[in-house]
């Protein structure tokens, strides 16, 4: 036999070890273990045997349980060196090449869609949510009649001129500007009756008496997702800007509420798992025999033991 043939056979044996004969023949033992772990009547035919190492073999059985198409019962058996008895090592249900698998898990924060929230549900918000920012405190406001305040006023007038279609922008603070904000420059405006009718309709759809508001932890008046309305309606209504809330884009009462309140719940930090009580990764070294002078058995045999034939 040539050296090349010997090396080829050695490499092939190292890659795919030959299954142990006694372990490979223990099909009945493996089937009994699979039937004990599985429900009655769901362990099918023996479909294969794979060598996992020296005297370690895994038997595969077809799974006939509904919903587990293509899965196989894997039973690993082993045998000690120079022993004839095969023992059970592990039994587990594993997916095969064409197994029916569940879709990849997606975190709940990515699965949530607008309209999924119901009464009593809470939607935690992260501390660094990009949709929220600190509210105005007044600390950065320039003092009256300062150069900075005049510059901001000029900038606001320039922005108004860019957004309007009129050839000449209305100066801020003029009577026409106030009339423009109040809506009196239109030919007709909403009457008080029409205003109350709309308010009743909005309050009925997204008001404090709805099931969602009754189960909410807080009200919209303190929510960062609430966009205030202009005019007299801002005293009782606003517009919801939470895309995951049930009232996104709708006019809501300030007394309304839902689980998507910006301050209702803060997303908790991931819990750090507790350390193991037992260190299963460290290897403890023990001496095969105690040191001289230690232990319960004397290191030197006495005369009586020698007379009795003890060594």
C-alpha atoms as a PDB file:
ATOM      1  CA  UNK A   1       0.000   0.000   0.000  1.00  0.00           C
ATOM      2  CA  UNK A   2       1.415   3.378  -0.985  1.00  0.00           C
ATOM      3  CA  UNK A   3       1.955   6.254   1.433  1.00  0.00           C
ATOM      4  CA  UNK A   4      -0.535   8.439  -0.511  1.00  0.00           C
ATOM      5  CA  UNK A   5      -3.270   5.835  -0.107  1.00  0.00           C
ATOM      6  CA  UNK A   6      -2.555   5.552   3.611  1.00  0.00           C
ATOM      7  CA  UNK A   7      -2.723   9.327   4.065  1.00  0.00           C
ATOM      8  CA  UNK A   8      -5.996   9.514   2.093  1.00  0.00           C
ATOM      9  CA  UNK A   9      -7.623   6.812   4.199  1.00  0.00           C
ATOM     10  CA  UNK A  10      -6.404   8.441   7.409  1.00  0.00           C
ATOM     11  CA  UNK A  11      -7.802  11.846   6.384  1.00  0.00           C
ATOM     12  CA  UNK A  12     -11.141  10.314   5.378  1.00  0.00           C
ATOM     13  CA  UNK A  13     -11.382   8.510   8.727  1.00  0.00           C
ATOM     14  CA  UNK A  14     -10.619  11.734  10.608  1.00  0.00           C
ATOM     15  CA  UNK A  15     -13.366  13.627   8.776  1.00  0.00           C
ATOM     16  CA  UNK A  16     -16.081  10.973   8.965  1.00  0.00           C
ATOM     17  CA  UNK A  17     -15.412   8.488  11.801  1.00  0.00           C
ATOM     18  CA  UNK A  18     -16.962   5.077  11.405  1.00  0.00           C
ATOM     19  CA  UNK A  19     -19.974   4.653  13.772  1.00  0.00           C
ATOM     20  CA  UNK A  20     -19.383   2.385  16.720  1.00  0.00           C
ATOM     21  CA  UNK A  21     -20.939  -1.009  15.970  1.00  0.00           C
ATOM     22  CA  UNK A  22     -22.687  -1.527  19.309  1.00  0.00           C
ATOM     23  CA  UNK A  23     -23.991   2.059  19.400  1.00  0.00           C
ATOM     24  CA  UNK A  24     -25.200   1.830  15.807  1.00  0.00           C
ATOM     25  CA  UNK A  25     -27.088  -1.360  16.595  1.00  0.00           C
ATOM     26  CA  UNK A  26     -28.883   0.194  19.606  1.00  0.00           C
ATOM     27  CA  UNK A  27     -31.861   1.292  17.491  1.00  0.00           C
ATOM     28  CA  UNK A  28     -34.428  -0.144  19.906  1.00  0.00           C
ATOM     29  CA  UNK A  29     -32.872   1.723  22.839  1.00  0.00           C
ATOM     30  CA  UNK A  30     -32.920   4.985  20.885  1.00  0.00           C
ATOM     31  CA  UNK A  31     -36.534   4.460  19.752  1.00  0.00           C
ATOM     32  CA  UNK A  32     -37.674   3.763  23.316  1.00  0.00           C
ATOM     33  CA  UNK A  33     -36.014   6.985  24.491  1.00  0.00           C
ATOM     34  CA  UNK A  34     -37.647   8.995  21.693  1.00  0.00           C
ATOM     35  CA  UNK A  35     -41.090   7.550  22.408  1.00  0.00           C
ATOM     36  CA  UNK A  36     -40.682   8.348  26.094  1.00  0.00           C
ATOM     37  CA  UNK A  37     -39.836  11.998  25.356  1.00  0.00           C
ATOM     38  CA  UNK A  38     -42.422  12.486  22.600  1.00  0.00           C
ATOM     39  CA  UNK A  39     -46.192  12.179  22.526  1.00  0.00           C
ATOM     40  CA  UNK A  40     -47.582   8.697  21.819  1.00  0.00           C
ATOM     41  CA  UNK A  41     -47.503   7.679  18.166  1.00  0.00           C
ATOM     42  CA  UNK A  42     -45.412  10.544  16.761  1.00  0.00           C
ATOM     43  CA  UNK A  43     -42.057   8.762  16.404  1.00  0.00           C
ATOM     44  CA  UNK A  44     -41.757   7.431  12.853  1.00  0.00           C
ATOM     45  CA  UNK A  45     -39.269   5.325  11.007  1.00  0.00           C
ATOM     46  CA  UNK A  46     -35.543   5.218  11.652  1.00  0.00           C
ATOM     47  CA  UNK A  47     -34.029   7.464   8.983  1.00  0.00           C
ATOM     48  CA  UNK A  48     -30.319   7.465   9.730  1.00  0.00           C
ATOM     49  CA  UNK A  49     -27.397   7.164  12.079  1.00  0.00           C
ATOM     50  CA  UNK A  50     -24.477   9.596  12.416  1.00  0.00           C
ATOM     51  CA  UNK A  51     -21.224   9.124  14.288  1.00  0.00           C
ATOM     52  CA  UNK A  52     -20.511  12.035  16.625  1.00  0.00           C
ATOM     53  CA  UNK A  53     -17.139  10.745  17.841  1.00  0.00           C
ATOM     54  CA  UNK A  54     -15.509   7.754  19.434  1.00  0.00           C
ATOM     55  CA  UNK A  55     -18.284   5.452  20.670  1.00  0.00           C
ATOM     56  CA  UNK A  56     -20.885   8.257  20.342  1.00  0.00           C
ATOM     57  CA  UNK A  57     -23.693   7.808  17.787  1.00  0.00           C
ATOM     58  CA  UNK A  58     -26.907   9.759  17.048  1.00  0.00           C
ATOM     59  CA  UNK A  59     -29.981   7.945  15.719  1.00  0.00           C
ATOM     60  CA  UNK A  60     -32.571   9.939  13.758  1.00  0.00           C
ATOM     61  CA  UNK A  61     -36.274   9.061  13.658  1.00  0.00           C
ATOM     62  CA  UNK A  62     -38.954  10.689  11.537  1.00  0.00           C
ATOM     63  CA  UNK A  63     -41.445  12.909  13.397  1.00  0.00           C
ATOM     64  CA  UNK A  64     -45.097  12.427  12.407  1.00  0.00           C
ATOM     65  CA  UNK A  65     -46.483  15.037  14.774  1.00  0.00           C
ATOM     66  CA  UNK A  66     -48.697  17.629  13.000  1.00  0.00           C
ATOM     67  CA  UNK A  67     -47.029  20.998  12.669  1.00  0.00           C
ATOM     68  CA  UNK A  68     -43.503  19.532  12.702  1.00  0.00           C
ATOM     69  CA  UNK A  69     -43.107  18.564   9.086  1.00  0.00           C
ATOM     70  CA  UNK A  70     -39.509  17.702   8.263  1.00  0.00           C
ATOM     71  CA  UNK A  71     -38.423  17.511  11.911  1.00  0.00           C
ATOM     72  CA  UNK A  72     -36.567  14.495  13.305  1.00  0.00           C
ATOM     73  CA  UNK A  73     -36.104  12.976  16.723  1.00  0.00           C
ATOM     74  CA  UNK A  74     -32.377  12.797  17.459  1.00  0.00           C
ATOM     75  CA  UNK A  75     -31.306  10.312  20.118  1.00  0.00           C
ATOM     76  CA  UNK A  76     -27.626  10.211  21.034  1.00  0.00           C
ATOM     77  CA  UNK A  77     -26.213   7.067  22.635  1.00  0.00           C
ATOM     78  CA  UNK A  78     -22.717   6.396  23.883  1.00  0.00           C
ATOM     79  CA  UNK A  79     -20.561   3.569  25.163  1.00  0.00           C
ATOM     80  CA  UNK A  80     -17.656   3.713  27.584  1.00  0.00           C
ATOM     81  CA  UNK A  81     -14.288   2.391  26.558  1.00  0.00           C
ATOM     82  CA  UNK A  82     -14.091  -1.426  26.766  1.00  0.00           C
ATOM     83  CA  UNK A  83     -17.753  -1.565  27.848  1.00  0.00           C
ATOM     84  CA  UNK A  84     -20.465  -3.520  26.066  1.00  0.00           C
ATOM     85  CA  UNK A  85     -23.460  -1.640  27.503  1.00  0.00           C
ATOM     86  CA  UNK A  86     -24.789   1.274  25.443  1.00  0.00           C
ATOM     87  CA  UNK A  87     -26.239   4.146  27.477  1.00  0.00           C
ATOM     88  CA  UNK A  88     -28.541   7.029  26.584  1.00  0.00           C
ATOM     89  CA  UNK A  89     -26.953  10.464  26.273  1.00  0.00           C
ATOM     90  CA  UNK A  90     -29.529  12.924  24.903  1.00  0.00           C
ATOM     91  CA  UNK A  91     -32.942  13.080  23.212  1.00  0.00           C
ATOM     92  CA  UNK A  92     -34.043  16.156  21.286  1.00  0.00           C
ATOM     93  CA  UNK A  93     -36.330  17.175  18.415  1.00  0.00           C
ATOM     94  CA  UNK A  94     -34.326  18.853  15.618  1.00  0.00           C
ATOM     95  CA  UNK A  95     -35.345  20.429  12.288  1.00  0.00           C
ATOM     96  CA  UNK A  96     -34.280  18.709   9.087  1.00  0.00           C
ATOM     97  CA  UNK A  97     -33.223  20.226   5.778  1.00  0.00           C
ATOM     98  CA  UNK A  98     -36.839  20.737   4.618  1.00  0.00           C
ATOM     99  CA  UNK A  99     -38.355  21.351   8.058  1.00  0.00           C
ATOM    100  CA  UNK A 100     -41.225  23.755   8.560  1.00  0.00           C
ATOM    101  CA  UNK A 101     -39.733  26.545  10.712  1.00  0.00           C
ATOM    102  CA  UNK A 102     -41.217  29.584  12.402  1.00  0.00           C
ATOM    103  CA  UNK A 103     -40.322  32.976  10.911  1.00  0.00           C
ATOM    104  CA  UNK A 104     -37.391  34.857  12.351  1.00  0.00           C
ATOM    105  CA  UNK A 105     -38.238  36.531  15.650  1.00  0.00           C
ATOM    106  CA  UNK A 106     -38.784  40.276  15.461  1.00  0.00           C
ATOM    107  CA  UNK A 107     -38.796  42.529  18.578  1.00  0.00           C
ATOM    108  CA  UNK A 108     -42.203  43.808  19.573  1.00  0.00           C
ATOM    109  CA  UNK A 109     -41.120  47.423  18.997  1.00  0.00           C
ATOM    110  CA  UNK A 110     -40.551  46.590  15.316  1.00  0.00           C
ATOM    111  CA  UNK A 111     -43.696  44.462  14.953  1.00  0.00           C
ATOM    112  CA  UNK A 112     -45.998  47.200  16.252  1.00  0.00           C
ATOM    113  CA  UNK A 113     -48.077  48.917  13.600  1.00  0.00           C
ATOM    114  CA  UNK A 114     -50.418  51.904  13.748  1.00  0.00           C
ATOM    115  CA  UNK A 115     -53.786  50.824  15.097  1.00  0.00           C
ATOM    116  CA  UNK A 116     -52.487  47.824  17.054  1.00  0.00           C
ATOM    117  CA  UNK A 117     -52.860  49.507  20.430  1.00  0.00           C
ATOM    118  CA  UNK A 118     -55.973  48.678  22.423  1.00  0.00           C
ATOM    119  CA  UNK A 119     -57.477  49.817  25.745  1.00  0.00           C
ATOM    120  CA  UNK A 120     -55.085  49.183  28.614  1.00  0.00           C
ATOM    121  CA  UNK A 121     -51.986  48.734  26.413  1.00  0.00           C
ATOM    122  CA  UNK A 122     -48.823  50.683  27.217  1.00  0.00           C
ATOM    123  CA  UNK A 123     -46.273  51.781  24.644  1.00  0.00           C
ATOM    124  CA  UNK A 124     -42.921  52.515  26.339  1.00  0.00           C
ATOM    125  CA  UNK A 125     -40.788  55.255  24.835  1.00  0.00           C
ATOM    126  CA  UNK A 126     -37.012  55.273  24.828  1.00  0.00           C
ATOM    127  CA  UNK A 127     -35.190  57.992  26.708  1.00  0.00           C
ATOM    128  CA  UNK A 128     -33.502  59.065  23.454  1.00  0.00           C
ATOM    129  CA  UNK A 129     -36.600  58.899  21.265  1.00  0.00           C
ATOM    130  CA  UNK A 130     -35.890  60.987  18.160  1.00  0.00           C
ATOM    131  CA  UNK A 131     -39.530  62.051  17.968  1.00  0.00           C
ATOM    132  CA  UNK A 132     -39.300  63.876  21.312  1.00  0.00           C
ATOM    133  CA  UNK A 133     -37.164  66.705  22.615  1.00  0.00           C
ATOM    134  CA  UNK A 134     -37.029  68.800  25.787  1.00  0.00           C
ATOM    135  CA  UNK A 135     -39.824  71.333  26.106  1.00  0.00           C
ATOM    136  CA  UNK A 136     -39.315  75.101  26.089  1.00  0.00           C
ATOM    137  CA  UNK A 137     -38.360  76.446  29.533  1.00  0.00           C
ATOM    138  CA  UNK A 138     -37.887  80.140  28.697  1.00  0.00           C
ATOM    139  CA  UNK A 139     -34.257  80.214  29.816  1.00  0.00           C
ATOM    140  CA  UNK A 140     -32.935  80.838  26.303  1.00  0.00           C
ATOM    141  CA  UNK A 141     -35.430  83.589  25.442  1.00  0.00           C
ATOM    142  CA  UNK A 142     -33.668  86.908  24.773  1.00  0.00           C
ATOM    143  CA  UNK A 143     -34.724  89.900  26.890  1.00  0.00           C
ATOM    144  CA  UNK A 144     -37.266  92.344  25.407  1.00  0.00           C
ATOM    145  CA  UNK A 145     -35.996  95.034  22.968  1.00  0.00           C
ATOM    146  CA  UNK A 146     -32.628  93.279  22.620  1.00  0.00           C
ATOM    147  CA  UNK A 147     -30.666  92.954  19.375  1.00  0.00           C
ATOM    148  CA  UNK A 148     -31.216  89.187  19.362  1.00  0.00           C
ATOM    149  CA  UNK A 149     -35.001  89.553  19.674  1.00  0.00           C
ATOM    150  CA  UNK A 150     -35.040  92.053  16.769  1.00  0.00           C
ATOM    151  CA  UNK A 151     -33.033  89.604  14.641  1.00  0.00           C
ATOM    152  CA  UNK A 152     -35.470  86.794  15.424  1.00  0.00           C
ATOM    153  CA  UNK A 153     -38.396  89.019  14.479  1.00  0.00           C
ATOM    154  CA  UNK A 154     -36.786  89.887  11.128  1.00  0.00           C
ATOM    155  CA  UNK A 155     -36.088  86.195  10.511  1.00  0.00           C
ATOM    156  CA  UNK A 156     -39.723  85.322  11.244  1.00  0.00           C
ATOM    157  CA  UNK A 157     -40.935  87.992   8.825  1.00  0.00           C
ATOM    158  CA  UNK A 158     -38.612  86.630   6.127  1.00  0.00           C
ATOM    159  CA  UNK A 159     -39.952  83.086   6.656  1.00  0.00           C
ATOM    160  CA  UNK A 160     -43.527  84.333   6.455  1.00  0.00           C
ATOM    161  CA  UNK A 161     -42.720  86.079   3.178  1.00  0.00           C
ATOM    162  CA  UNK A 162     -41.303  82.859   1.702  1.00  0.00           C
ATOM    163  CA  UNK A 163     -44.320  80.772   2.696  1.00  0.00           C
ATOM    164  CA  UNK A 164     -47.037  83.123   1.488  1.00  0.00           C
ATOM    165  CA  UNK A 165     -48.242  83.513  -2.084  1.00  0.00           C
ATOM    166  CA  UNK A 166     -49.069  87.158  -1.644  1.00  0.00           C
ATOM    167  CA  UNK A 167     -46.721  89.633  -3.299  1.00  0.00           C
ATOM    168  CA  UNK A 168     -46.274  91.591  -0.059  1.00  0.00           C
ATOM    169  CA  UNK A 169     -46.042  89.844   3.325  1.00  0.00           C
ATOM    170  CA  UNK A 170     -48.182  91.200   6.110  1.00  0.00           C
ATOM    171  CA  UNK A 171     -46.026  92.733   8.821  1.00  0.00           C
ATOM    172  CA  UNK A 172     -46.031  90.846  12.109  1.00  0.00           C
ATOM    173  CA  UNK A 173     -48.155  92.453  14.814  1.00  0.00           C
ATOM    174  CA  UNK A 174     -50.410  94.384  12.453  1.00  0.00           C
ATOM    175  CA  UNK A 175     -54.228  94.190  12.540  1.00  0.00           C
ATOM    176  CA  UNK A 176     -54.206  92.312   9.238  1.00  0.00           C
ATOM    177  CA  UNK A 177     -51.811  89.737  10.672  1.00  0.00           C
ATOM    178  CA  UNK A 178     -54.067  89.167  13.667  1.00  0.00           C
ATOM    179  CA  UNK A 179     -57.075  88.901  11.371  1.00  0.00           C
ATOM    180  CA  UNK A 180     -55.177  86.405   9.232  1.00  0.00           C
ATOM    181  CA  UNK A 181     -54.498  84.170  12.247  1.00  0.00           C
ATOM    182  CA  UNK A 182     -58.101  84.439  13.442  1.00  0.00           C
ATOM    183  CA  UNK A 183     -59.439  83.547  10.014  1.00  0.00           C
ATOM    184  CA  UNK A 184     -61.482  86.710   9.584  1.00  0.00           C
ATOM    185  CA  UNK A 185     -60.043  87.456   6.148  1.00  0.00           C
ATOM    186  CA  UNK A 186     -62.121  84.622   4.668  1.00  0.00           C
ATOM    187  CA  UNK A 187     -65.510  85.266   3.185  1.00  0.00           C
ATOM    188  CA  UNK A 188     -67.257  83.053   5.737  1.00  0.00           C
ATOM    189  CA  UNK A 189     -66.049  81.474   8.984  1.00  0.00           C
ATOM    190  CA  UNK A 190     -67.342  78.714  11.233  1.00  0.00           C
ATOM    191  CA  UNK A 191     -70.221  79.809  13.426  1.00  0.00           C
ATOM    192  CA  UNK A 192     -70.408  79.129  17.149  1.00  0.00           C
ATOM    193  CA  UNK A 193     -72.987  76.422  16.496  1.00  0.00           C
ATOM    194  CA  UNK A 194     -70.739  74.729  13.959  1.00  0.00           C
ATOM    195  CA  UNK A 195     -67.828  75.011  16.363  1.00  0.00           C
ATOM    196  CA  UNK A 196     -69.737  73.344  19.216  1.00  0.00           C
ATOM    197  CA  UNK A 197     -71.046  70.664  16.893  1.00  0.00           C
ATOM    198  CA  UNK A 198     -67.525  69.788  15.755  1.00  0.00           C
ATOM    199  CA  UNK A 199     -66.283  69.804  19.362  1.00  0.00           C
ATOM    200  CA  UNK A 200     -69.022  67.377  20.410  1.00  0.00           C
ATOM    201  CA  UNK A 201     -68.181  65.087  17.530  1.00  0.00           C
ATOM    202  CA  UNK A 202     -64.467  65.064  18.340  1.00  0.00           C
ATOM    203  CA  UNK A 203     -65.120  64.581  22.019  1.00  0.00           C
ATOM    204  CA  UNK A 204     -67.333  61.594  21.295  1.00  0.00           C
ATOM    205  CA  UNK A 205     -64.692  59.920  19.100  1.00  0.00           C
ATOM    206  CA  UNK A 206     -61.574  60.777  21.134  1.00  0.00           C
ATOM    207  CA  UNK A 207     -62.785  62.081  24.464  1.00  0.00           C
ATOM    208  CA  UNK A 208     -62.421  61.159  28.141  1.00  0.00           C
ATOM    209  CA  UNK A 209     -65.395  58.776  28.126  1.00  0.00           C
ATOM    210  CA  UNK A 210     -63.983  56.359  25.541  1.00  0.00           C
ATOM    211  CA  UNK A 211     -62.675  52.924  26.666  1.00  0.00           C
ATOM    212  CA  UNK A 212     -59.170  53.857  25.559  1.00  0.00           C
ATOM    213  CA  UNK A 213     -59.116  56.997  27.695  1.00  0.00           C
ATOM    214  CA  UNK A 214     -60.608  55.184  30.697  1.00  0.00           C
ATOM    215  CA  UNK A 215     -57.708  52.697  30.661  1.00  0.00           C
ATOM    216  CA  UNK A 216     -54.987  55.247  29.859  1.00  0.00           C
ATOM    217  CA  UNK A 217     -52.304  56.006  32.459  1.00  0.00           C
ATOM    218  CA  UNK A 218     -52.246  59.747  31.649  1.00  0.00           C
ATOM    219  CA  UNK A 219     -54.045  62.417  29.641  1.00  0.00           C
ATOM    220  CA  UNK A 220     -53.129  64.032  26.341  1.00  0.00           C
ATOM    221  CA  UNK A 221     -52.706  67.438  27.968  1.00  0.00           C
ATOM    222  CA  UNK A 222     -49.304  66.300  29.308  1.00  0.00           C
ATOM    223  CA  UNK A 223     -48.239  64.258  26.252  1.00  0.00           C
ATOM    224  CA  UNK A 224     -45.360  65.406  24.047  1.00  0.00           C
ATOM    225  CA  UNK A 225     -47.081  63.986  20.953  1.00  0.00           C
ATOM    226  CA  UNK A 226     -49.972  66.469  21.267  1.00  0.00           C
ATOM    227  CA  UNK A 227     -49.920  69.344  18.758  1.00  0.00           C
ATOM    228  CA  UNK A 228     -51.899  72.296  20.138  1.00  0.00           C
ATOM    229  CA  UNK A 229     -54.612  73.857  18.039  1.00  0.00           C
ATOM    230  CA  UNK A 230     -55.054  77.546  17.391  1.00  0.00           C
ATOM    231  CA  UNK A 231     -57.860  79.796  18.533  1.00  0.00           C
ATOM    232  CA  UNK A 232     -60.340  78.921  21.235  1.00  0.00           C
ATOM    233  CA  UNK A 233     -60.178  75.188  20.418  1.00  0.00           C
ATOM    234  CA  UNK A 234     -56.677  74.940  21.893  1.00  0.00           C
ATOM    235  CA  UNK A 235     -58.238  75.111  25.351  1.00  0.00           C
ATOM    236  CA  UNK A 236     -59.882  71.709  24.879  1.00  0.00           C
ATOM    237  CA  UNK A 237     -58.402  69.963  21.815  1.00  0.00           C
ATOM    238  CA  UNK A 238     -55.200  69.137  20.032  1.00  0.00           C
ATOM    239  CA  UNK A 239     -53.918  66.864  17.252  1.00  0.00           C
ATOM    240  CA  UNK A 240     -52.234  63.536  18.021  1.00  0.00           C
ATOM    241  CA  UNK A 241     -48.847  63.020  16.327  1.00  0.00           C
ATOM    242  CA  UNK A 242     -48.029  59.532  17.635  1.00  0.00           C
ATOM    243  CA  UNK A 243     -47.989  57.226  14.615  1.00  0.00           C
ATOM    244  CA  UNK A 244     -48.500  54.157  16.837  1.00  0.00           C
ATOM    245  CA  UNK A 245     -51.402  55.665  18.764  1.00  0.00           C
ATOM    246  CA  UNK A 246     -55.024  54.950  17.915  1.00  0.00           C
ATOM    247  CA  UNK A 247     -55.718  58.644  17.256  1.00  0.00           C
ATOM    248  CA  UNK A 248     -52.755  59.521  15.044  1.00  0.00           C
ATOM    249  CA  UNK A 249     -53.649  62.500  12.873  1.00  0.00           C
ATOM    250  CA  UNK A 250     -57.011  62.987  14.636  1.00  0.00           C
ATOM    251  CA  UNK A 251     -58.274  65.815  16.797  1.00  0.00           C
ATOM    252  CA  UNK A 252     -58.314  64.592  20.399  1.00  0.00           C
ATOM    253  CA  UNK A 253     -59.615  66.044  23.613  1.00  0.00           C
ATOM    254  CA  UNK A 254     -57.039  67.177  26.131  1.00  0.00           C
ATOM    255  CA  UNK A 255     -58.723  64.779  28.562  1.00  0.00           C
ATOM    256  CA  UNK A 256     -58.285  61.869  26.174  1.00  0.00           C
ATOM    257  CA  UNK A 257     -55.433  59.409  26.675  1.00  0.00           C
ATOM    258  CA  UNK A 258     -53.930  56.168  25.447  1.00  0.00           C
ATOM    259  CA  UNK A 259     -51.074  53.833  26.209  1.00  0.00           C
ATOM    260  CA  UNK A 260     -48.793  55.712  23.829  1.00  0.00           C
ATOM    261  CA  UNK A 261     -48.388  58.653  26.202  1.00  0.00           C
ATOM    262  CA  UNK A 262     -44.843  59.995  25.947  1.00  0.00           C
ATOM    263  CA  UNK A 263     -44.325  59.940  29.714  1.00  0.00           C
ATOM    264  CA  UNK A 264     -46.508  56.985  30.647  1.00  0.00           C
ATOM    265  CA  UNK A 265     -43.766  54.398  30.593  1.00  0.00           C
ATOM    266  CA  UNK A 266     -40.075  54.503  29.896  1.00  0.00           C
ATOM    267  CA  UNK A 267     -38.519  51.543  28.146  1.00  0.00           C
ATOM    268  CA  UNK A 268     -36.570  49.623  30.796  1.00  0.00           C
ATOM    269  CA  UNK A 269     -32.918  48.782  30.379  1.00  0.00           C
ATOM    270  CA  UNK A 270     -32.047  45.173  29.576  1.00  0.00           C
ATOM    271  CA  UNK A 271     -31.905  43.129  32.739  1.00  0.00           C
ATOM    272  CA  UNK A 272     -28.433  41.857  33.538  1.00  0.00           C
ATOM    273  CA  UNK A 273     -28.646  38.150  34.282  1.00  0.00           C
ATOM    274  CA  UNK A 274     -27.490  37.080  37.691  1.00  0.00           C
ATOM    275  CA  UNK A 275     -24.189  35.289  38.029  1.00  0.00           C
ATOM    276  CA  UNK A 276     -24.277  31.529  38.261  1.00  0.00           C
ATOM    277  CA  UNK A 277     -24.284  30.178  41.776  1.00  0.00           C
ATOM    278  CA  UNK A 278     -21.959  27.412  40.658  1.00  0.00           C
ATOM    279  CA  UNK A 279     -18.938  27.957  38.445  1.00  0.00           C
ATOM    280  CA  UNK A 280     -19.392  25.296  35.787  1.00  0.00           C
ATOM    281  CA  UNK A 281     -16.564  26.563  33.580  1.00  0.00           C
ATOM    282  CA  UNK A 282     -13.647  26.250  36.002  1.00  0.00           C
ATOM    283  CA  UNK A 283     -11.813  22.952  36.345  1.00  0.00           C
ATOM    284  CA  UNK A 284     -10.989  21.954  39.916  1.00  0.00           C
ATOM    285  CA  UNK A 285      -7.832  19.940  40.349  1.00  0.00           C
ATOM    286  CA  UNK A 286      -7.797  17.137  42.909  1.00  0.00           C
ATOM    287  CA  UNK A 287      -4.793  15.051  43.858  1.00  0.00           C
ATOM    288  CA  UNK A 288      -5.068  11.328  43.249  1.00  0.00           C
ATOM    289  CA  UNK A 289      -3.651  10.599  46.733  1.00  0.00           C
ATOM    290  CA  UNK A 290      -3.104  12.869  49.760  1.00  0.00           C
ATOM    291  CA  UNK A 291       0.247  14.270  50.609  1.00  0.00           C
ATOM    292  CA  UNK A 292       2.447  12.378  53.052  1.00  0.00           C
ATOM    293  CA  UNK A 293       1.249  13.008  56.574  1.00  0.00           C
ATOM    294  CA  UNK A 294      -2.292  14.052  55.469  1.00  0.00           C
ATOM    295  CA  UNK A 295      -5.522  12.085  55.291  1.00  0.00           C
ATOM    296  CA  UNK A 296      -7.126   9.549  57.605  1.00  0.00           C
ATOM    297  CA  UNK A 297      -4.939   6.603  56.557  1.00  0.00           C
ATOM    298  CA  UNK A 298      -1.382   6.579  57.971  1.00  0.00           C
ATOM    299  CA  UNK A 299       1.371   6.734  55.389  1.00  0.00           C
ATOM    300  CA  UNK A 300       3.418   4.018  57.119  1.00  0.00           C
ATOM    301  CA  UNK A 301       1.848   0.633  57.817  1.00  0.00           C
ATOM    302  CA  UNK A 302       2.043  -0.539  61.425  1.00  0.00           C
ATOM    303  CA  UNK A 303       3.275  -3.968  62.519  1.00  0.00           C
ATOM    304  CA  UNK A 304      -0.191  -5.359  63.167  1.00  0.00           C
ATOM    305  CA  UNK A 305      -1.314  -4.742  59.600  1.00  0.00           C
ATOM    306  CA  UNK A 306       1.811  -6.446  58.284  1.00  0.00           C
ATOM    307  CA  UNK A 307       1.081  -9.513  60.369  1.00  0.00           C
ATOM    308  CA  UNK A 308      -2.428  -9.659  58.897  1.00  0.00           C
ATOM    309  CA  UNK A 309      -1.025  -9.466  55.389  1.00  0.00           C
ATOM    310  CA  UNK A 310      -1.986  -5.837  54.726  1.00  0.00           C
ATOM    311  CA  UNK A 311       0.359  -3.874  52.520  1.00  0.00           C
END
